[in-house]
Structures are given as structure tokens and as C-alpha cells.
Amino acid sequence: MKTHESGVDQFDAEALKELRPENQLGKTALVLAAVCVSAWFSNVVNGSPLLEALPGMLILYVMVIIGLVIGRVCPFYLPSVAWVSLISIIATLPFFPGNGWIIARLAEVDFLAVVTPVLAYAGLALTGREFSMFKQTGWKLVIVALLVFTGTFIGSAVVAHVML
């Protein structure tokens, strides 16, 4: 029984490895472009001028693509989010050429407008593995999740009330 499960897990690991964003750069670049366009338009909702945010959105797009390319060609594995973070940090360091211009363009982007839809999608994205895990745990998981969400909300409200 264990041998069969490890074979299935190995297959799942290989399938998941091929689905990583850095292994599908073409598709990832298109999806990322669509996300950037929607995030760019969401800046207007918060009162930012559309054309002023465009260079910042393009800079964000380029940083993510560079991070994904490095993640693909690097001889050792590091998650793509780490590469993207490193590229972004390096590009905004004081000694990096043009960092002042990059920071000024990124300041035009309302990051709350960019991050909110992405985090909402990340919170709602469920894979087949999560659905099968949910089927096994059943209704108990719903109760635990509701208690955790409620505790987190109340805890955040208490901290906000005390600090503000």
C-alpha cells in the first residue's frame, strides 16, 4: 500500500514540477501581462492617473519575468518568489544604477490596489490535492477554519484597537 502511495506522490511531484511558472514562461508571461493590465486599471479606482502608473507596472512586470527566467536557468532550485524578491530588492538598492528613477516610478503604483486581487485569488485557488484532503477531513475542517478565521479577526481587531 505504501509503495503505491509513494508512486502516486512521485507522479504528483513530477506533474507539479512541470506546472511551476518558471517552467512555462510563455503562459506565465501572458497571464502575468493580463494581471498587470487589470492591476494597472485598478489604480484608477483609487484615484491614481492611469498613465503615471504605467512605467511602474512595466517595471514590476519586467522584475517578475527576470526572476522567473533566473529561476529556470539557475542550477539549483529556489522558489520563483525568492528570485523575484531578490531582483526587486537589488534593483531598489541605493548603489544600483537608476534606483531613484525605479523607486519614483514604483511610487506611482498603488500597491494595495495591486495586491488585493492577487491575494484574493491566492486565497481562493484550490488544487485537486486540497479538494481530496477536504473530502477526507470533512466538516471538521470547516469548523476549525471558522474558528481560526474568527480568532484571527478578533485578535487583529484587538491589536488595532490597542495600537490605534
Protein backbone atom coordinates (compact mmCIF):
# COMPACT_ATOMS: atom_id res chain seq x y z
CA MET A 1 0.00 0.00 0.00
CA LYS A 2 2.77 2.44 0.93
CA THR A 3 4.63 1.70 -2.32
CA HIS A 4 1.57 2.62 -4.37
CA GLU A 5 1.05 5.88 -2.43
CA SER A 6 4.68 6.92 -2.84
CA GLY A 7 4.41 6.22 -6.59
CA VAL A 8 1.36 8.44 -6.78
CA ASP A 9 3.11 11.14 -4.74
CA GLN A 10 6.15 10.89 -7.04
CA PHE A 11 3.90 11.33 -10.08
CA ASP A 12 2.18 14.28 -8.43
CA ALA A 13 5.56 15.83 -7.62
CA GLU A 14 6.71 15.48 -11.22
CA ALA A 15 3.43 16.86 -12.55
CA LEU A 16 3.58 19.79 -10.14
CA LYS A 17 7.20 20.46 -11.07
CA GLU A 18 6.21 20.87 -14.72
CA LEU A 19 3.37 23.23 -13.75
CA ARG A 20 5.69 25.68 -11.98
CA PRO A 21 5.56 29.16 -13.51
CA GLU A 22 9.26 29.20 -14.37
CA ASN A 23 8.79 26.04 -16.44
CA GLN A 24 6.01 27.60 -18.53
CA LEU A 25 7.42 31.06 -19.24
CA GLY A 26 5.20 31.76 -22.26
CA LYS A 27 1.94 31.06 -20.49
CA THR A 28 3.15 32.74 -17.32
CA ALA A 29 4.17 35.87 -19.23
CA LEU A 30 0.71 36.12 -20.82
CA VAL A 31 -1.15 35.55 -17.55
CA LEU A 32 1.15 38.00 -15.79
CA ALA A 33 0.52 40.58 -18.51
CA ALA A 34 -3.24 40.21 -18.01
CA VAL A 35 -2.82 40.57 -14.24
CA CYS A 36 -0.66 43.66 -14.72
CA VAL A 37 -3.21 45.26 -17.03
CA SER A 38 -6.04 44.61 -14.57
CA ALA A 39 -3.91 45.90 -11.68
CA TRP A 40 -2.98 48.94 -13.76
CA PHE A 41 -6.66 49.73 -14.29
CA SER A 42 -7.40 49.13 -10.62
CA ASN A 43 -5.08 52.03 -9.83
CA VAL A 44 -7.64 54.34 -11.43
CA VAL A 45 -10.25 53.24 -8.89
CA ASN A 46 -8.01 54.57 -6.12
CA GLY A 47 -7.56 57.91 -7.88
CA SER A 48 -4.14 57.37 -9.46
CA PRO A 49 -3.73 58.70 -13.00
CA LEU A 50 -3.62 55.84 -15.49
CA LEU A 51 -0.57 56.91 -17.49
CA GLU A 52 1.53 57.78 -14.43
CA ALA A 53 1.26 54.20 -13.14
CA LEU A 54 2.19 52.59 -16.47
CA PRO A 55 6.00 52.75 -16.09
CA GLY A 56 5.77 51.30 -12.58
CA MET A 57 3.58 48.43 -13.76
CA LEU A 58 6.02 47.71 -16.60
CA ILE A 59 8.91 47.71 -14.12
CA LEU A 60 7.04 45.24 -11.91
CA TYR A 61 6.32 43.04 -14.93
CA VAL A 62 9.98 43.04 -16.00
CA MET A 63 11.19 42.26 -12.47
CA VAL A 64 8.89 39.25 -12.25
CA ILE A 65 9.87 37.93 -15.69
CA ILE A 66 13.59 38.32 -14.88
CA GLY A 67 13.07 36.44 -11.61
CA LEU A 68 11.24 33.63 -13.40
CA VAL A 69 13.95 33.34 -16.07
CA ILE A 70 16.67 33.19 -13.41
CA GLY A 71 14.66 30.54 -11.56
CA ARG A 72 14.55 28.48 -14.72
CA VAL A 73 18.22 28.69 -15.70
CA CYS A 74 19.73 28.57 -12.21
CA PRO A 75 21.45 25.23 -11.50
CA PHE A 76 19.88 24.98 -8.02
CA TYR A 77 16.24 25.31 -7.01
CA LEU A 78 14.97 28.38 -5.25
CA PRO A 79 11.28 29.29 -5.41
CA SER A 80 10.38 31.87 -8.04
CA VAL A 81 9.04 34.26 -5.43
CA ALA A 82 12.51 34.33 -3.85
CA TRP A 83 14.16 35.18 -7.17
CA VAL A 84 11.60 37.89 -7.90
CA SER A 85 12.11 39.32 -4.42
CA LEU A 86 15.89 39.31 -4.83
CA ILE A 87 15.67 41.06 -8.21
CA SER A 88 13.30 43.66 -6.77
CA ILE A 89 15.50 44.27 -3.74
CA ILE A 90 18.67 44.59 -5.82
CA ALA A 91 17.00 46.97 -8.29
CA THR A 92 15.99 49.32 -5.48
CA LEU A 93 19.25 49.30 -3.50
CA PRO A 94 20.89 52.74 -3.22
CA PHE A 95 24.00 51.73 -5.20
CA PHE A 96 22.04 50.20 -8.10
CA PRO A 97 22.23 52.43 -11.22
CA GLY A 98 18.91 54.19 -11.78
CA ASN A 99 17.39 53.12 -8.48
CA GLY A 100 15.98 56.62 -7.88
CA TRP A 101 14.09 56.53 -11.16
CA ILE A 102 12.82 52.98 -10.47
CA ILE A 103 11.62 53.92 -6.99
CA ALA A 104 9.95 57.08 -8.31
CA ARG A 105 8.06 55.09 -10.97
CA LEU A 106 7.05 52.40 -8.47
CA ALA A 107 5.76 55.09 -6.10
CA GLU A 108 3.08 55.89 -8.68
CA VAL A 109 1.64 52.37 -8.35
CA ASP A 110 -0.91 51.88 -5.60
CA PHE A 111 0.29 48.56 -4.19
CA LEU A 112 -2.86 47.96 -2.19
CA ALA A 113 -4.82 48.00 -5.45
CA VAL A 114 -2.32 45.58 -6.99
CA VAL A 115 -2.02 43.17 -4.08
CA THR A 116 -5.65 42.85 -3.03
CA PRO A 117 -6.92 40.95 -6.12
CA VAL A 118 -3.79 38.77 -6.20
CA LEU A 119 -4.16 37.79 -2.55
CA ALA A 120 -7.87 37.16 -3.01
CA TYR A 121 -7.13 34.81 -5.90
CA ALA A 122 -4.35 33.09 -3.95
CA GLY A 123 -6.74 32.53 -1.07
CA LEU A 124 -9.37 31.03 -3.35
CA ALA A 125 -7.11 28.93 -5.58
CA LEU A 126 -7.58 25.29 -4.68
CA THR A 127 -5.88 22.33 -6.30
CA GLY A 128 -7.08 18.77 -6.67
CA ARG A 129 -4.91 17.77 -3.73
CA GLU A 130 -6.68 20.25 -1.44
CA PHE A 131 -10.10 19.01 -2.56
CA SER A 132 -9.15 15.40 -1.83
CA MET A 133 -7.79 16.44 1.57
CA PHE A 134 -11.02 18.31 2.27
CA LYS A 135 -13.07 15.23 1.36
CA GLN A 136 -11.08 13.15 3.83
CA THR A 137 -11.36 15.60 6.74
CA GLY A 138 -14.93 16.67 6.01
CA TRP A 139 -16.96 19.01 8.15
CA LYS A 140 -14.36 19.16 10.97
CA LEU A 141 -12.08 21.22 8.76
CA VAL A 142 -14.84 23.80 8.22
CA ILE A 143 -15.30 24.23 11.98
CA VAL A 144 -11.56 24.57 12.58
CA ALA A 145 -11.23 27.06 9.70
CA LEU A 146 -14.11 29.18 11.01
CA LEU A 147 -12.61 29.21 14.50
CA VAL A 148 -9.19 30.18 13.13
CA PHE A 149 -10.66 32.94 10.95
CA THR A 150 -12.73 34.27 13.84
CA GLY A 151 -9.78 34.19 16.23
CA THR A 152 -7.54 35.92 13.71
CA PHE A 153 -10.15 38.61 13.06
CA ILE A 154 -10.80 39.24 16.75
CA GLY A 155 -7.07 39.23 17.51
CA SER A 156 -6.40 41.70 14.70
CA ALA A 157 -9.24 43.92 15.87
CA VAL A 158 -7.92 43.92 19.45
CA VAL A 159 -4.36 44.76 18.30
CA ALA A 160 -5.68 47.51 16.02
CA HIS A 161 -7.85 48.94 18.80
CA VAL A 162 -4.96 48.95 21.28
CA MET A 163 -2.42 50.38 18.83
CA LEU A 164 -4.67 52.92 17.14
